[in-house]
C-alpha atoms as a PDB file:
ATOM      1  CA  UNK A   1       4.790   7.950  10.411  1.00  0.00           C
ATOM      2  CA  UNK A   2       6.405  11.293   9.607  1.00  0.00           C
ATOM      3  CA  UNK A   3       8.765   9.632   7.132  1.00  0.00           C
ATOM      4  CA  UNK A   4       5.812   8.061   5.320  1.00  0.00           C
ATOM      5  CA  UNK A   5       3.858  11.315   5.367  1.00  0.00           C
ATOM      6  CA  UNK A   6       6.870  13.085   3.849  1.00  0.00           C
ATOM      7  CA  UNK A   7       7.113  10.391   1.197  1.00  0.00           C
ATOM      8  CA  UNK A   8       3.369  10.698   0.541  1.00  0.00           C
ATOM      9  CA  UNK A   9       3.789  14.465   0.037  1.00  0.00           C
ATOM     10  CA  UNK A  10       6.490  13.702  -2.541  1.00  0.00           C
ATOM     11  CA  UNK A  11       4.182  11.200  -4.260  1.00  0.00           C
ATOM     12  CA  UNK A  12       1.426  13.827  -4.342  1.00  0.00           C
ATOM     13  CA  UNK A  13       3.758  16.171  -6.272  1.00  0.00           C
ATOM     14  CA  UNK A  14       4.478  13.675  -9.080  1.00  0.00           C
ATOM     15  CA  UNK A  15       3.610  15.037 -12.514  1.00  0.00           C
ATOM     16  CA  UNK A  16       2.663  13.335 -15.776  1.00  0.00           C
ATOM     17  CA  UNK A  17       5.484  11.012 -16.950  1.00  0.00           C
ATOM     18  CA  UNK A  18       7.081  10.938 -13.483  1.00  0.00           C
ATOM     19  CA  UNK A  19       8.631   7.534 -14.220  1.00  0.00           C
ATOM     20  CA  UNK A  20       9.910   8.403 -17.707  1.00  0.00           C
ATOM     21  CA  UNK A  21       7.444   5.929 -19.262  1.00  0.00           C
ATOM     22  CA  UNK A  22       4.309   8.073 -19.336  1.00  0.00           C
ATOM     23  CA  UNK A  23       2.956   7.315 -15.841  1.00  0.00           C
ATOM     24  CA  UNK A  24       0.130   9.643 -14.815  1.00  0.00           C
ATOM     25  CA  UNK A  25       0.091  11.459 -11.475  1.00  0.00           C
ATOM     26  CA  UNK A  26      -1.528   9.704  -8.507  1.00  0.00           C
ATOM     27  CA  UNK A  27      -5.161  10.880  -8.076  1.00  0.00           C
ATOM     28  CA  UNK A  28      -5.798  13.196  -5.144  1.00  0.00           C
ATOM     29  CA  UNK A  29      -8.405  10.893  -3.575  1.00  0.00           C
ATOM     30  CA  UNK A  30      -5.839   8.060  -3.509  1.00  0.00           C
ATOM     31  CA  UNK A  31      -3.352  10.389  -1.790  1.00  0.00           C
ATOM     32  CA  UNK A  32      -6.009  11.370   0.771  1.00  0.00           C
ATOM     33  CA  UNK A  33      -6.980   7.763   1.483  1.00  0.00           C
ATOM     34  CA  UNK A  34      -3.326   6.793   1.891  1.00  0.00           C
ATOM     35  CA  UNK A  35      -2.876   9.616   4.427  1.00  0.00           C
ATOM     36  CA  UNK A  36      -5.809   8.231   6.418  1.00  0.00           C
ATOM     37  CA  UNK A  37      -4.329   4.734   6.314  1.00  0.00           C
ATOM     38  CA  UNK A  38      -0.938   6.002   7.522  1.00  0.00           C
ATOM     39  CA  UNK A  39      -2.610   7.707  10.481  1.00  0.00           C
ATOM     40  CA  UNK A  40      -4.660   4.630  11.344  1.00  0.00           C
ATOM     41  CA  UNK A  41      -2.444   1.555  10.984  1.00  0.00           C
ATOM     42  CA  UNK A  42      -0.470   0.348  13.991  1.00  0.00           C
ATOM     43  CA  UNK A  43       2.489  -0.740  11.842  1.00  0.00           C
ATOM     44  CA  UNK A  44       3.913   1.636   9.292  1.00  0.00           C
ATOM     45  CA  UNK A  45       4.443   0.149   5.824  1.00  0.00           C
ATOM     46  CA  UNK A  46       6.873   0.915   3.040  1.00  0.00           C
ATOM     47  CA  UNK A  47       5.004   2.995   0.431  1.00  0.00           C
ATOM     48  CA  UNK A  48       5.586   3.439  -3.298  1.00  0.00           C
ATOM     49  CA  UNK A  49       3.758   5.071  -6.217  1.00  0.00           C
ATOM     50  CA  UNK A  50       2.855   2.823  -9.136  1.00  0.00           C
ATOM     51  CA  UNK A  51       2.506   3.643 -12.812  1.00  0.00           C
ATOM     52  CA  UNK A  52      -1.161   2.566 -12.594  1.00  0.00           C
ATOM     53  CA  UNK A  53      -2.409   5.610 -10.629  1.00  0.00           C
ATOM     54  CA  UNK A  54      -2.144   3.747  -7.341  1.00  0.00           C
ATOM     55  CA  UNK A  55      -0.007   3.526  -4.238  1.00  0.00           C
ATOM     56  CA  UNK A  56       1.481   0.266  -3.096  1.00  0.00           C
ATOM     57  CA  UNK A  57       2.125  -0.260   0.601  1.00  0.00           C
ATOM     58  CA  UNK A  58       3.822  -3.328   1.889  1.00  0.00           C
ATOM     59  CA  UNK A  59       5.078  -5.298   4.841  1.00  0.00           C
ATOM     60  CA  UNK A  60       7.703  -8.005   4.964  1.00  0.00           C
ATOM     61  CA  UNK A  61       9.152 -10.441   7.447  1.00  0.00           C
ATOM     62  CA  UNK A  62      12.722 -11.698   7.723  1.00  0.00           C
ATOM     63  CA  UNK A  63      11.534 -15.152   6.581  1.00  0.00           C
ATOM     64  CA  UNK A  64      10.471 -13.608   3.225  1.00  0.00           C
ATOM     65  CA  UNK A  65       6.727 -13.598   3.967  1.00  0.00           C
ATOM     66  CA  UNK A  66       5.221 -10.595   2.253  1.00  0.00           C
ATOM     67  CA  UNK A  67       1.988  -8.568   2.439  1.00  0.00           C
ATOM     68  CA  UNK A  68       1.194  -5.964  -0.194  1.00  0.00           C
ATOM     69  CA  UNK A  69      -1.773  -3.643  -0.653  1.00  0.00           C
ATOM     70  CA  UNK A  70      -2.385  -1.662  -3.821  1.00  0.00           C
ATOM     71  CA  UNK A  71      -4.638   1.328  -3.178  1.00  0.00           C
ATOM     72  CA  UNK A  72      -6.420   2.755  -6.217  1.00  0.00           C
ATOM     73  CA  UNK A  73      -9.612   4.657  -6.932  1.00  0.00           C
ATOM     74  CA  UNK A  74     -11.396   1.302  -7.280  1.00  0.00           C
ATOM     75  CA  UNK A  75     -10.394   0.045  -3.824  1.00  0.00           C
ATOM     76  CA  UNK A  76      -7.690  -2.218  -2.482  1.00  0.00           C
ATOM     77  CA  UNK A  77      -5.987  -5.240  -3.942  1.00  0.00           C
ATOM     78  CA  UNK A  78      -4.218  -7.476  -1.413  1.00  0.00           C
ATOM     79  CA  UNK A  79      -1.369  -9.833  -2.258  1.00  0.00           C
ATOM     80  CA  UNK A  80       0.185 -12.236   0.265  1.00  0.00           C
ATOM     81  CA  UNK A  81       3.129 -14.590  -0.119  1.00  0.00           C
ATOM     82  CA  UNK A  82       3.898 -17.096   2.629  1.00  0.00           C
ATOM     83  CA  UNK A  83       7.258 -18.510   3.679  1.00  0.00           C
ATOM     84  CA  UNK A  84       6.936 -21.359   1.141  1.00  0.00           C
ATOM     85  CA  UNK A  85       6.303 -18.953  -1.728  1.00  0.00           C
ATOM     86  CA  UNK A  86       2.574 -19.707  -1.952  1.00  0.00           C
ATOM     87  CA  UNK A  87       0.673 -16.680  -3.213  1.00  0.00           C
ATOM     88  CA  UNK A  88      -2.844 -15.480  -2.515  1.00  0.00           C
ATOM     89  CA  UNK A  89      -4.597 -12.301  -3.580  1.00  0.00           C
ATOM     90  CA  UNK A  90      -8.013 -10.718  -3.242  1.00  0.00           C
ATOM     91  CA  UNK A  91      -9.781  -7.397  -3.551  1.00  0.00           C
ATOM     92  CA  UNK A  92     -11.350  -5.564  -0.654  1.00  0.00           C
ATOM     93  CA  UNK A  93     -13.146  -2.246  -0.131  1.00  0.00           C
ATOM     94  CA  UNK A  94     -11.483   0.702   1.571  1.00  0.00           C
ATOM     95  CA  UNK A  95     -12.156  -0.235   5.203  1.00  0.00           C
ATOM     96  CA  UNK A  96      -9.641   0.778   7.872  1.00  0.00           C
ATOM     97  CA  UNK A  97     -10.663  -1.954  10.271  1.00  0.00           C
ATOM     98  CA  UNK A  98     -10.267  -4.644   7.608  1.00  0.00           C
ATOM     99  CA  UNK A  99      -6.878  -3.249   6.593  1.00  0.00           C
ATOM    100  CA  UNK A 100      -5.659  -3.519  10.189  1.00  0.00           C
ATOM    101  CA  UNK A 101      -7.140  -7.022  10.439  1.00  0.00           C
ATOM    102  CA  UNK A 102      -5.143  -8.095   7.360  1.00  0.00           C
ATOM    103  CA  UNK A 103      -1.961  -6.637   8.858  1.00  0.00           C
ATOM    104  CA  UNK A 104      -2.614  -8.206  12.282  1.00  0.00           C
ATOM    105  CA  UNK A 105      -3.310 -11.576  10.666  1.00  0.00           C
ATOM    106  CA  UNK A 106      -0.092 -11.345   8.653  1.00  0.00           C
ATOM    107  CA  UNK A 107       2.010 -10.686  11.753  1.00  0.00           C
ATOM    108  CA  UNK A 108       0.181 -13.186  13.968  1.00  0.00           C
ATOM    109  CA  UNK A 109       1.089 -16.112  11.696  1.00  0.00           C
ATOM    110  CA  UNK A 110       4.578 -17.338  12.576  1.00  0.00           C
END
């Protein structure tokens, strides 16, 4: 977790145009919610800032299955790709239990 918290601190310091294409800084409430998620989830994700004032956190398996969350002020968008390349996405509210359920479900499907 400490690596992700360090990365989150770096994300929190991003200024206007941090990507060279005019991206705005990540809102403080998104940073705070991401910190809560990092403290709560059993499996640590890879995290990245996006140019859309959000933070993407993701999980992947060796068989190319992929789970991605995009955390913004509006809530969470979830994107899943299975081993066959089938894609599914949905929105969900900020709910730590539901986030962990999504992650557990992703890793329980083999």
